[in-house]
Amino acid sequence: MLLDFQHLKKIDRGAAHVFIIVVIGIFVAFLIPALSSLSLTDLRSAAQQEKSTQAYYVARAGAEAVLNYIINNPDELNADDMADLAEVMIDSGPSQAESFGNGMGFFTVEVTEVTMEGKEGISILSTGIVDNASKSVRVVLNVAEYPDYEWISGWDPFPTVGLPYTVFFNSFMNLINSNIDGDVGVNIDAATTVNIGPQGGITGFLYVGPNQQVNWHRLSKFKESQIQELEETIIYPMPPPLSLPSDLSQYENFSGESITDDGEYNNITVAGNLTIDVEGDSDRIIIVDTLDVKEGGNIIVNRTGMGRLRLYVRSNFNIEGNTEINQPDNGQNDTTDALVVFYKGQDELSITGNQKIYGNFFVEDANVAIGGDSSLTGNIITGGQEVKVHGTPTVHGVIYAPQAAVRLLGTPNITGAVVCDEYHGSGVPAQITKFDSSFETSFPEFIEDIPTEEIITEVTRYTDPIWMSGK
């Protein structure tokens, strides 16, 4: 049995007592049978000895339970959650008495901050009680800051939650003329307002927190019965920093018709057809400072196996109208997974002409605009502040923009899902955001391919237990 630590910071003092007893109870159940020195057999054999001896064993078992939880970390808490757990235990004071050994005794545990020889630490004081006798033992753990090296690859923004909603937003939704086909969710902890205009609507349920405001026009199709309470906090994290490959062959400017090898370029200009070969199951890696796709340009991904084109654009990505990127031939299967574009530039990524693109986009910090009569089949992850979808474009995939305002203007059509901070639907007369489960396989595969930087942080670790007598 594992514990839910998602709400550690919200545990009040009374609930913290119960929390510690649960931790102790679980670990006593699994720890004690494995500790030969503290087995129930030893306790029974000590029945003829002083009750204080038995109380010592009980106290030691309680301290061992908490100590092993902190050191072994069976719930695989991250550094922040483990620090929160220690803080909760310290703030809670002595725990309630916990029965041990089928009624043979009881123990209480108290976790406090200590300083030993100038070093900070935490103290676990456990008191065992058998009849009228009591004994206490204490174990002290050093607290130290260590560098924590973590290589985040295969970043997973929703390991357990998934994407069950057509739209999930964090702070604001305004459906003036927009219709959403499916369910909508909002972060349960956010101070949120939902406004639904006379031409706006949601076909599914609206999942909100207990204190959030929902306003809807009397002429809208929305009904109060569609409001449901969200049962848990859902947090979709920001994308991590993007890491670029290294040690590639260096080239200057390129405007040719074919690329057959990995390489790093200053500039690639596409005025006609550019074919990039991806042989077998190996990925083709291209890094370019500026990618300039002229009007009528066409990037063809010539794939012979399951490899992908990984296209890294460091600074500028210019896509003029009437262009095609990774467009499948007539009768071909979907080619979306053959292309992943990684964009590190600061200027807005603009797909606002008559572009036809099949592929996935990871946009590190920039805003995104999709407009005109363009078509994008693929997923977008962005750390930018705004995603604007305007005109009559078609998007088939996920727009994952957890800190952005997503604005729908005109009559765009999105088939997939949207994760955002704010959602604005004010097109005239309406646009429909449809839920399509086909992205549930393509999106996870896409994010597994995102190469990210090594993150070095200072984390708190608890080491070097020192046992001593009690008070």
Protein backbone atom coordinates (compact mmCIF):
# COMPACT_ATOMS: atom_id res chain seq x y z
CA MET A 1 0.00 0.00 0.00
CA LEU A 2 1.39 3.39 -0.99
CA LEU A 3 0.31 6.79 0.24
CA ASP A 4 -1.01 9.84 -1.61
CA PHE A 5 1.37 12.74 -1.01
CA GLN A 6 -0.20 15.19 -3.46
CA HIS A 7 -1.72 17.29 -0.68
CA LEU A 8 1.06 17.26 1.91
CA LYS A 9 1.14 21.02 2.29
CA LYS A 10 -2.55 21.09 3.09
CA ILE A 11 -2.42 18.64 5.96
CA ASP A 12 -3.49 20.40 9.14
CA ARG A 13 -2.12 19.61 12.58
CA GLY A 14 -4.87 17.15 13.52
CA ALA A 15 -4.73 15.31 10.23
CA ALA A 16 -0.95 15.09 10.49
CA HIS A 17 -1.28 12.91 13.62
CA VAL A 18 -3.37 10.46 11.65
CA PHE A 19 -0.95 10.70 8.72
CA ILE A 20 2.03 9.67 10.86
CA ILE A 21 0.09 6.80 12.42
CA VAL A 22 -0.72 5.52 8.91
CA VAL A 23 2.96 5.66 7.95
CA ILE A 24 3.96 3.88 11.14
CA GLY A 25 1.21 1.29 10.85
CA ILE A 26 2.14 0.36 7.29
CA PHE A 27 5.80 0.05 8.07
CA VAL A 28 5.33 -1.87 11.26
CA ALA A 29 3.23 -4.37 9.32
CA PHE A 30 5.93 -4.96 6.71
CA LEU A 31 9.10 -4.16 8.63
CA ILE A 32 8.78 -6.06 11.87
CA PRO A 33 8.55 -9.62 10.43
CA ALA A 34 11.85 -9.00 8.67
CA LEU A 35 13.69 -7.70 11.74
CA SER A 36 14.91 -10.77 13.60
CA SER A 37 16.28 -8.65 16.40
CA LEU A 38 12.87 -7.10 16.97
CA SER A 39 10.59 -10.06 16.23
CA LEU A 40 7.47 -10.91 18.16
CA THR A 41 9.25 -14.11 19.17
CA ASP A 42 11.83 -12.01 20.99
CA LEU A 43 9.06 -10.06 22.66
CA ARG A 44 7.35 -13.19 23.88
CA SER A 45 10.66 -14.63 25.14
CA ALA A 46 11.15 -11.42 27.11
CA ALA A 47 7.82 -11.84 28.87
CA GLN A 48 9.61 -12.88 32.05
CA GLN A 49 11.91 -9.91 31.99
CA GLU A 50 11.21 -6.42 33.09
CA LYS A 51 8.33 -4.73 31.31
CA SER A 52 10.76 -1.94 30.52
CA THR A 53 12.74 -4.32 28.27
CA GLN A 54 9.62 -5.04 26.30
CA ALA A 55 8.85 -1.32 26.15
CA TYR A 56 12.31 -0.74 24.67
CA TYR A 57 11.64 -3.19 21.83
CA VAL A 58 8.31 -1.52 21.10
CA ALA A 59 9.92 1.93 21.07
CA ARG A 60 12.71 0.72 18.81
CA ALA A 61 10.18 -0.74 16.35
CA GLY A 62 8.36 2.58 16.11
CA ALA A 63 11.56 4.51 15.45
CA GLU A 64 12.66 1.92 12.86
CA ALA A 65 9.34 2.27 11.05
CA VAL A 66 9.68 6.03 10.54
CA LEU A 67 13.45 5.85 9.90
CA ASN A 68 13.07 3.24 7.17
CA TYR A 69 10.29 5.17 5.52
CA ILE A 70 12.41 8.32 5.27
CA ILE A 71 15.57 6.57 4.09
CA ASN A 72 14.10 3.87 1.82
CA ASN A 73 11.40 6.13 0.34
CA PRO A 74 9.05 3.34 -0.84
CA ASP A 75 6.64 5.84 -2.43
CA GLU A 76 9.52 7.29 -4.50
CA LEU A 77 8.83 10.83 -3.37
CA ASN A 78 10.73 13.58 -5.12
CA ALA A 79 12.95 15.90 -3.08
CA ASP A 80 10.25 18.52 -2.55
CA ASP A 81 7.64 16.02 -1.36
CA MET A 82 10.10 14.37 1.02
CA ALA A 83 10.94 17.78 2.49
CA ASP A 84 7.21 18.48 2.84
CA LEU A 85 6.73 15.14 4.59
CA ALA A 86 9.49 15.92 7.09
CA GLU A 87 7.97 19.36 7.70
CA VAL A 88 4.53 17.85 8.31
CA MET A 89 5.96 15.36 10.81
CA ILE A 90 7.87 18.09 12.64
CA ASP A 91 4.88 20.42 12.82
CA SER A 92 2.50 17.70 14.01
CA GLY A 93 4.15 17.05 17.40
CA PRO A 94 3.87 13.66 19.14
CA SER A 95 1.71 11.13 17.33
CA GLN A 96 -1.20 9.32 18.87
CA ALA A 97 -0.46 5.98 20.54
CA GLU A 98 -0.20 3.12 18.06
CA SER A 99 -0.83 -0.47 19.10
CA PHE A 100 2.00 -2.93 18.50
CA GLY A 101 2.28 -6.68 18.55
CA ASN A 102 -1.37 -7.61 18.86
CA GLY A 103 -1.87 -5.52 21.98
CA MET A 104 1.52 -6.22 23.59
CA GLY A 105 2.20 -2.50 23.85
CA PHE A 106 1.88 0.95 22.38
CA PHE A 107 4.26 3.55 21.06
CA THR A 108 4.25 7.22 20.09
CA VAL A 109 6.63 8.97 17.72
CA GLU A 110 7.75 12.60 17.63
CA VAL A 111 9.92 14.14 14.90
CA THR A 112 11.82 17.33 15.72
CA GLU A 113 14.59 19.49 14.29
CA VAL A 114 17.97 19.24 16.02
CA THR A 115 21.51 20.57 15.69
CA MET A 116 24.47 18.32 16.47
CA GLU A 117 28.05 19.55 16.26
CA GLY A 118 26.93 22.46 14.14
CA LYS A 119 25.06 20.25 11.67
CA GLU A 120 21.31 20.35 11.11
CA GLY A 121 19.33 17.17 11.46
CA ILE A 122 16.02 15.62 12.42
CA SER A 123 15.37 13.58 15.53
CA ILE A 124 12.94 10.65 15.69
CA LEU A 125 11.94 10.05 19.31
CA SER A 126 9.91 6.89 19.88
CA THR A 127 8.41 5.98 23.24
CA GLY A 128 7.26 2.42 23.90
CA ILE A 129 4.66 1.66 26.60
CA VAL A 130 3.95 -1.78 28.04
CA ASP A 131 1.57 -1.78 30.97
CA ASN A 132 2.99 0.75 33.41
CA ALA A 133 6.53 0.73 31.98
CA SER A 134 7.84 3.05 29.27
CA LYS A 135 11.13 3.35 27.39
CA SER A 136 12.29 5.85 24.78
CA VAL A 137 14.84 5.59 21.99
CA ARG A 138 16.04 8.31 19.67
CA VAL A 139 17.64 8.20 16.24
CA VAL A 140 19.11 11.31 14.61
CA LEU A 141 19.50 11.78 10.86
CA ASN A 142 21.85 14.32 9.33
CA VAL A 143 20.26 16.74 6.89
CA ALA A 144 22.52 17.80 4.04
CA GLU A 145 22.18 19.49 0.66
CA TYR A 146 23.48 17.37 -2.20
CA PRO A 147 23.58 18.12 -5.93
CA ASP A 148 20.94 16.03 -7.66
CA TYR A 149 21.62 15.18 -11.29
CA GLU A 150 18.54 14.28 -13.26
CA TRP A 151 18.39 13.62 -16.98
CA ILE A 152 14.79 14.07 -18.00
CA SER A 153 14.11 12.19 -21.20
CA GLY A 154 10.80 10.71 -22.11
CA TRP A 155 9.21 13.64 -20.24
CA ASP A 156 5.69 12.69 -19.20
CA PRO A 157 3.33 15.61 -18.52
CA PHE A 158 0.49 13.32 -17.47
CA PRO A 159 1.80 10.05 -15.98
CA THR A 160 -1.47 9.10 -14.29
CA VAL A 161 -4.09 11.65 -15.27
CA GLY A 162 -3.95 11.42 -19.05
CA LEU A 163 -6.04 13.79 -21.14
CA PRO A 164 -9.66 12.93 -20.34
CA TYR A 165 -10.98 16.37 -21.25
CA THR A 166 -11.50 18.11 -24.56
CA VAL A 167 -10.32 21.31 -22.86
CA PHE A 168 -8.56 21.64 -19.53
CA PHE A 169 -7.72 25.14 -18.35
CA ASN A 170 -6.30 26.70 -15.23
CA SER A 171 -7.71 30.18 -14.67
CA PHE A 172 -10.29 31.51 -17.14
CA MET A 173 -12.73 30.38 -19.84
CA ASN A 174 -14.87 32.61 -22.03
CA LEU A 175 -17.20 30.84 -24.50
CA ILE A 176 -18.89 33.69 -26.32
CA ASN A 177 -19.75 31.83 -29.51
CA SER A 178 -17.59 28.75 -29.14
CA ASN A 179 -18.88 25.22 -28.73
CA ILE A 180 -16.85 22.44 -27.14
CA ASP A 181 -17.73 18.87 -28.00
CA GLY A 182 -16.82 16.80 -24.92
CA ASP A 183 -15.94 17.37 -21.28
CA VAL A 184 -14.17 20.42 -19.85
CA GLY A 185 -12.07 20.49 -16.69
CA VAL A 186 -10.51 23.24 -14.61
CA ASN A 187 -7.81 23.13 -11.94
CA ILE A 188 -9.62 22.61 -8.64
CA ASP A 189 -7.35 25.04 -6.76
CA ALA A 190 -7.57 27.94 -9.19
CA ALA A 191 -9.56 31.14 -8.70
CA THR A 192 -11.55 30.55 -11.84
CA THR A 193 -14.41 32.11 -13.77
CA VAL A 194 -16.29 30.35 -16.57
CA ASN A 195 -18.47 32.49 -18.85
CA ILE A 196 -20.75 30.90 -21.44
CA GLY A 197 -22.44 33.24 -23.93
CA PRO A 198 -25.75 32.82 -25.78
CA GLN A 199 -24.13 30.96 -28.67
CA GLY A 200 -21.61 29.10 -26.53
CA GLY A 201 -21.95 25.61 -25.21
CA ILE A 202 -20.44 22.39 -23.90
CA THR A 203 -21.86 19.02 -24.95
CA GLY A 204 -20.34 17.11 -22.04
CA PHE A 205 -19.77 17.94 -18.39
CA LEU A 206 -17.97 20.91 -16.88
CA TYR A 207 -15.78 19.71 -13.98
CA VAL A 208 -14.98 22.51 -11.51
CA GLY A 209 -13.78 22.95 -7.96
CA PRO A 210 -16.19 23.63 -5.06
CA ASN A 211 -15.60 27.41 -4.93
CA GLN A 212 -15.44 28.31 -8.61
CA GLN A 213 -17.81 30.63 -10.43
CA VAL A 214 -19.78 29.50 -13.50
CA ASN A 215 -21.90 32.02 -15.43
CA TRP A 216 -24.01 31.13 -18.45
CA HIS A 217 -26.45 33.09 -20.59
CA ARG A 218 -30.08 32.10 -20.31
CA LEU A 219 -30.25 31.57 -24.10
CA SER A 220 -27.28 29.22 -24.19
CA LYS A 221 -27.67 25.48 -24.47
CA PHE A 222 -25.69 24.95 -21.26
CA LYS A 223 -27.58 23.51 -18.29
CA GLU A 224 -26.77 23.57 -14.59
CA SER A 225 -26.98 19.77 -14.54
CA GLN A 226 -23.79 19.69 -16.63
CA ILE A 227 -21.71 21.06 -13.75
CA GLN A 228 -19.79 18.36 -11.90
CA GLU A 229 -17.24 18.55 -9.09
CA LEU A 230 -13.64 17.73 -9.94
CA GLU A 231 -12.45 15.10 -7.47
CA GLU A 232 -8.74 15.85 -7.43
CA THR A 233 -6.21 18.48 -8.33
CA ILE A 234 -4.78 18.05 -11.81
CA ILE A 235 -1.56 19.86 -12.65
CA TYR A 236 -0.13 19.71 -16.15
CA PRO A 237 3.53 20.73 -15.82
CA MET A 238 5.49 23.05 -18.04
CA PRO A 239 7.75 21.50 -20.67
CA PRO A 240 11.38 21.14 -19.56
CA PRO A 241 14.30 22.95 -21.26
CA LEU A 242 15.26 21.60 -24.65
CA SER A 243 18.71 20.14 -25.29
CA LEU A 244 20.28 20.23 -28.76
CA PRO A 245 22.41 17.38 -30.12
CA SER A 246 26.13 18.03 -30.56
CA ASP A 247 29.09 16.83 -32.65
CA LEU A 248 27.32 17.11 -36.00
CA SER A 249 29.00 18.01 -39.27
CA GLN A 250 29.01 21.79 -39.81
CA TYR A 251 27.68 23.47 -42.95
CA GLU A 252 27.03 27.05 -44.05
CA ASN A 253 23.97 27.90 -46.13
CA PHE A 254 21.97 25.29 -48.02
CA SER A 255 19.39 25.69 -50.79
CA GLY A 256 19.66 22.38 -52.57
CA GLU A 257 17.15 19.62 -53.29
CA SER A 258 18.36 16.75 -51.09
CA ILE A 259 19.83 16.10 -47.64
CA THR A 260 21.05 12.57 -46.93
CA ASP A 261 23.15 12.96 -43.76
CA ASP A 262 22.93 14.49 -40.30
CA GLY A 263 24.25 18.02 -40.08
CA GLU A 264 24.17 21.50 -38.58
CA TYR A 265 23.47 24.47 -40.87
CA ASN A 266 23.49 28.24 -40.58
CA ASN A 267 20.59 28.61 -43.02
CA ILE A 268 18.36 26.30 -45.04
CA THR A 269 16.23 27.86 -47.77
CA VAL A 270 13.45 25.83 -49.39
CA ALA A 271 12.16 27.38 -52.63
CA GLY A 272 11.08 24.19 -54.38
CA ASN A 273 11.20 20.56 -53.29
CA LEU A 274 13.66 19.55 -50.57
CA THR A 275 13.85 15.81 -49.88
CA ILE A 276 15.38 14.68 -46.59
CA ASP A 277 16.21 10.98 -46.44
CA VAL A 278 15.52 9.01 -43.25
CA GLU A 279 16.93 5.53 -43.75
CA GLY A 280 15.77 2.50 -41.80
CA ASP A 281 14.98 2.91 -38.12
CA SER A 282 17.66 5.53 -37.41
CA ASP A 283 16.63 9.15 -36.95
CA ARG A 284 17.89 11.90 -39.22
CA ILE A 285 19.10 14.89 -37.17
CA ILE A 286 19.22 18.37 -38.70
CA ILE A 287 20.05 21.55 -36.75
CA VAL A 288 19.59 24.92 -38.42
CA ASP A 289 19.78 28.51 -37.20
CA THR A 290 17.23 29.76 -39.75
CA LEU A 291 14.78 27.65 -41.74
CA ASP A 292 13.17 29.66 -44.53
CA VAL A 293 10.42 27.87 -46.48
CA LYS A 294 9.43 30.10 -49.40
CA GLU A 295 5.97 30.21 -50.93
CA GLY A 296 5.36 26.99 -52.80
CA GLY A 297 8.21 25.24 -50.98
CA ASN A 298 7.86 21.58 -50.07
CA ILE A 299 9.82 19.55 -47.52
CA ILE A 300 9.53 15.83 -48.24
CA VAL A 301 10.51 13.28 -45.59
CA ASN A 302 11.64 10.21 -47.49
CA ARG A 303 11.41 7.48 -44.85
CA THR A 304 12.26 3.84 -45.53
CA GLY A 305 11.75 2.50 -41.99
CA MET A 306 10.56 3.76 -38.59
CA GLY A 307 13.15 6.49 -38.19
CA ARG A 308 12.11 10.13 -37.84
CA LEU A 309 13.33 13.48 -39.02
CA ARG A 310 14.36 15.50 -35.95
CA LEU A 311 14.49 19.07 -37.13
CA TYR A 312 15.98 21.55 -34.63
CA VAL A 313 15.44 25.23 -35.46
CA ARG A 314 17.60 27.34 -33.19
CA SER A 315 16.51 30.91 -34.07
CA ASN A 316 14.11 31.60 -36.96
CA PHE A 317 11.40 29.48 -38.58
CA ASN A 318 9.77 31.23 -41.55
CA ILE A 319 6.97 29.43 -43.39
CA GLU A 320 5.33 31.29 -46.22
CA GLY A 321 1.95 30.48 -47.77
CA ASN A 322 1.06 27.54 -50.01
CA THR A 323 3.81 25.37 -48.58
CA GLU A 324 3.80 21.68 -47.69
CA ILE A 325 5.84 19.88 -45.04
CA ASN A 326 5.83 16.08 -44.74
CA GLN A 327 2.61 15.85 -46.74
CA PRO A 328 1.62 12.22 -47.44
CA ASP A 329 1.17 11.10 -51.02
CA ASN A 330 -2.29 10.17 -52.17
CA GLY A 331 -3.26 6.88 -50.57
CA GLN A 332 -0.40 6.92 -48.06
CA ASN A 333 -0.90 6.36 -44.35
CA ASP A 334 -0.59 9.21 -41.87
CA THR A 335 3.02 10.46 -41.84
CA THR A 336 2.76 12.63 -38.73
CA ASP A 337 5.17 10.57 -36.62
CA ALA A 338 7.90 10.93 -39.27
CA LEU A 339 8.62 14.54 -38.29
CA VAL A 340 9.39 16.27 -34.98
CA VAL A 341 10.25 19.98 -35.09
CA PHE A 342 12.03 21.50 -32.09
CA TYR A 343 11.90 25.30 -32.06
CA LYS A 344 14.09 27.31 -29.66
CA GLY A 345 13.55 30.74 -31.21
CA GLN A 346 11.87 33.66 -29.44
CA ASP A 347 9.79 34.99 -32.35
CA GLU A 348 6.26 33.70 -32.79
CA LEU A 349 5.93 30.42 -34.66
CA SER A 350 3.49 31.43 -37.39
CA ILE A 351 1.56 28.96 -39.54
CA THR A 352 -0.90 31.42 -41.01
CA GLY A 353 -0.98 30.89 -44.78
CA ASN A 354 -2.23 27.98 -46.79
CA GLN A 355 0.32 25.60 -45.27
CA LYS A 356 -0.24 21.85 -45.07
CA ILE A 357 1.90 20.28 -42.36
CA TYR A 358 2.06 16.78 -40.95
CA GLY A 359 4.30 16.63 -37.90
CA ASN A 360 4.76 17.39 -34.21
CA PHE A 361 6.11 20.64 -32.77
CA PHE A 362 7.95 21.31 -29.53
CA VAL A 363 8.13 25.09 -29.05
CA GLU A 364 10.30 25.96 -26.08
CA ASP A 365 9.30 29.56 -25.20
CA ALA A 366 7.68 31.24 -28.20
CA ASN A 367 4.04 32.01 -28.87
CA VAL A 368 2.22 30.15 -31.64
CA ALA A 369 -0.21 31.39 -34.31
CA ILE A 370 -2.18 29.10 -36.61
CA GLY A 371 -4.39 30.83 -39.12
CA GLY A 372 -5.60 31.41 -42.63
CA ASP A 373 -6.62 28.22 -44.38
CA SER A 374 -3.71 26.22 -43.00
CA SER A 375 -3.85 22.63 -41.83
CA LEU A 376 -1.78 21.01 -39.10
CA THR A 377 -1.98 17.31 -38.40
CA GLY A 378 0.13 16.73 -35.30
CA ASN A 379 0.64 17.89 -31.75
CA ILE A 380 2.01 21.16 -30.37
CA ILE A 381 3.75 21.56 -27.02
CA THR A 382 4.67 25.12 -26.14
CA GLY A 383 5.98 27.02 -23.16
CA GLY A 384 4.81 30.30 -24.67
CA GLN A 385 2.21 32.75 -23.34
CA GLU A 386 -0.27 32.68 -26.23
CA VAL A 387 -1.62 30.30 -28.87
CA LYS A 388 -3.85 32.07 -31.38
CA VAL A 389 -5.96 29.99 -33.76
CA HIS A 390 -7.76 32.28 -36.19
CA GLY A 391 -9.33 32.27 -39.62
CA THR A 392 -10.39 28.86 -40.94
CA PRO A 393 -7.51 26.52 -40.07
CA THR A 394 -7.81 22.85 -39.16
CA VAL A 395 -5.82 21.30 -36.32
CA HIS A 396 -5.87 17.57 -35.65
CA GLY A 397 -3.96 16.86 -32.45
CA VAL A 398 -3.18 18.18 -28.98
CA ILE A 399 -2.39 21.80 -28.16
CA TYR A 400 -0.46 21.50 -24.89
CA ALA A 401 0.17 25.03 -23.59
CA PRO A 402 -0.23 24.97 -19.78
CA GLN A 403 0.75 28.61 -19.19
CA ALA A 404 -0.72 30.12 -22.35
CA ALA A 405 -3.94 31.86 -23.27
CA VAL A 406 -5.49 29.92 -26.17
CA ARG A 407 -7.59 32.25 -28.33
CA LEU A 408 -9.98 30.98 -31.01
CA LEU A 409 -11.08 33.60 -33.54
CA GLY A 410 -13.04 33.12 -36.73
CA THR A 411 -14.13 29.54 -37.48
CA PRO A 412 -11.20 27.23 -36.77
CA ASN A 413 -11.73 23.54 -36.18
CA ILE A 414 -9.65 21.67 -33.60
CA THR A 415 -9.97 17.91 -33.41
CA GLY A 416 -8.15 16.66 -30.35
CA ALA A 417 -7.59 18.28 -26.97
CA VAL A 418 -6.39 21.57 -25.47
CA VAL A 419 -4.49 22.14 -22.21
CA CYS A 420 -4.04 25.82 -21.37
CA ASP A 421 -4.15 28.52 -18.71
CA GLU A 422 -6.92 30.55 -20.36
CA TYR A 423 -9.38 29.53 -23.08
CA HIS A 424 -11.10 32.22 -25.17
CA GLY A 425 -13.70 31.21 -27.75
CA SER A 426 -15.09 34.26 -29.52
CA GLY A 427 -15.31 33.23 -33.15
CA VAL A 428 -18.29 34.18 -35.28
CA PRO A 429 -20.55 32.36 -35.68
CA ALA A 430 -18.93 29.42 -33.90
CA GLN A 431 -16.08 26.98 -33.85
CA ILE A 432 -16.17 23.47 -32.48
CA THR A 433 -13.39 21.85 -30.52
CA LYS A 434 -13.94 18.14 -31.01
CA PHE A 435 -12.49 15.38 -28.87
CA ASP A 436 -10.71 12.66 -30.80
CA SER A 437 -9.09 9.73 -29.01
CA SER A 438 -6.65 9.02 -31.85
CA PHE A 439 -4.13 11.42 -30.29
CA GLU A 440 -3.85 9.19 -27.21
CA THR A 441 -1.23 7.09 -28.97
CA SER A 442 0.53 9.73 -31.06
CA PHE A 443 0.99 12.28 -28.28
CA PRO A 444 2.71 9.99 -25.73
CA GLU A 445 5.02 8.68 -28.47
CA PHE A 446 5.88 12.25 -29.40
CA ILE A 447 6.80 13.38 -25.88
CA GLU A 448 8.98 10.32 -25.32
CA ASP A 449 11.23 11.64 -28.08
CA ILE A 450 11.79 15.06 -26.54
CA PRO A 451 15.48 15.42 -25.59
CA THR A 452 15.86 17.65 -22.56
CA GLU A 453 18.67 19.10 -20.53
CA GLU A 454 20.37 17.64 -17.52
CA ILE A 455 18.87 19.43 -14.53
CA ILE A 456 21.11 19.96 -11.50
CA THR A 457 19.40 20.97 -8.27
CA GLU A 458 20.20 21.04 -4.58
CA VAL A 459 18.09 18.47 -2.74
CA THR A 460 17.71 17.57 0.92
CA ARG A 461 18.77 14.07 1.89
CA TYR A 462 18.65 12.35 5.25
CA THR A 463 21.68 10.20 6.03
CA ASP A 464 23.90 8.66 8.72
CA PRO A 465 21.42 7.57 11.40
CA ILE A 466 22.80 7.77 14.96
CA TRP A 467 21.01 5.74 17.61
CA MET A 468 20.90 6.85 21.23
CA SER A 469 18.79 6.57 24.31
CA GLY A 470 15.60 8.56 24.64
CA LYS A 471 14.94 11.78 26.52
